[in-house]
Protein backbone atom coordinates (compact mmCIF):
# COMPACT_ATOMS: atom_id res chain seq x y z
CA MET A 1 -5.05 0.69 2.82
CA ARG A 2 -8.51 1.77 3.78
CA LEU A 3 -11.42 -0.54 4.54
CA HIS A 4 -14.87 0.95 3.97
CA THR A 5 -17.08 -0.96 6.36
CA TYR A 6 -20.31 -0.98 8.37
CA PHE A 7 -20.58 -2.49 11.84
CA ARG A 8 -23.72 -4.55 11.11
CA SER A 9 -22.58 -5.99 7.78
CA SER A 10 -21.76 -9.70 8.02
CA ALA A 11 -19.58 -9.53 4.89
CA ALA A 12 -17.60 -6.62 6.34
CA TRP A 13 -17.30 -8.53 9.63
CA ARG A 14 -15.72 -11.51 7.84
CA VAL A 15 -13.28 -9.19 6.09
CA ARG A 16 -12.30 -7.50 9.36
CA ILE A 17 -11.66 -10.92 10.93
CA ALA A 18 -9.53 -12.06 7.97
CA ILE A 19 -7.53 -8.83 8.00
CA ALA A 20 -6.85 -9.25 11.71
CA LEU A 21 -5.82 -12.90 11.29
CA LYS A 22 -3.41 -11.97 8.49
CA ASN A 23 -1.88 -9.18 10.62
CA VAL A 24 -2.68 -6.60 7.97
CA THR A 25 -3.50 -3.07 9.00
CA ALA A 26 -6.26 -1.24 7.20
CA GLU A 27 -7.65 2.12 8.26
CA PRO A 28 -11.38 1.69 8.87
CA VAL A 29 -13.73 4.11 7.12
CA PHE A 30 -17.26 3.68 8.39
CA VAL A 31 -20.09 3.93 5.85
CA ASP A 32 -23.48 4.41 7.49
CA LEU A 33 -26.02 2.41 5.50
CA LEU A 34 -28.95 4.12 7.20
CA ARG A 35 -28.05 7.80 7.63
CA GLY A 36 -29.52 10.09 4.98
CA GLY A 37 -30.91 7.23 2.93
CA GLY A 38 -27.57 5.42 2.91
CA GLU A 39 -24.07 6.84 2.54
CA GLN A 40 -23.25 3.99 0.14
CA PHE A 41 -25.37 5.74 -2.51
CA ARG A 42 -23.36 8.97 -2.45
CA LEU A 43 -21.35 9.75 -5.58
CA GLU A 44 -18.05 9.76 -3.65
CA TYR A 45 -18.60 6.19 -2.47
CA ARG A 46 -20.05 4.98 -5.79
CA ALA A 47 -16.82 6.12 -7.45
CA LYS A 48 -14.99 3.59 -5.23
CA ASN A 49 -17.62 0.85 -5.46
CA PRO A 50 -20.11 1.20 -8.35
CA VAL A 51 -22.34 -1.49 -6.85
CA GLY A 52 -22.77 0.58 -3.67
CA LEU A 53 -22.14 -2.21 -1.18
CA VAL A 54 -19.76 -2.67 1.73
CA PRO A 55 -17.03 -3.71 2.27
CA THR A 56 -14.62 -2.00 -0.09
CA LEU A 57 -10.88 -2.27 0.37
CA GLU A 58 -8.97 0.64 -1.15
CA VAL A 59 -5.49 -0.65 -1.91
CA GLU A 60 -4.29 2.63 -3.40
CA ALA A 61 -5.96 5.75 -4.76
CA GLY A 62 -8.42 4.74 -7.45
CA ARG A 63 -7.87 0.99 -7.02
CA GLY A 64 -9.65 -1.40 -4.75
CA LEU A 65 -11.52 -4.64 -4.17
CA ILE A 66 -15.29 -4.63 -3.79
CA GLN A 67 -16.17 -8.27 -3.06
CA SER A 68 -15.66 -9.67 0.44
CA LEU A 69 -14.30 -13.03 -0.77
CA ALA A 70 -11.85 -11.32 -3.11
CA ILE A 71 -10.66 -9.14 -0.24
CA ILE A 72 -10.24 -12.18 2.02
CA GLU A 73 -8.25 -14.08 -0.59
């Protein structure tokens, strides 16, 4: 699993806490929301999350969850 996250995002922070409490390991992939106008708008990221927000939890290639509450549940 890979968690696309940003250190200042409160939604991503909640997801990271929930993942830690559930003893689940997810490889963090940091998406810089400021660099170059926002990495979340790049085509590679938009293919994972069409909304262009963080966090995104990639469960397997091509499949993932894009809402923080859905990830937490």
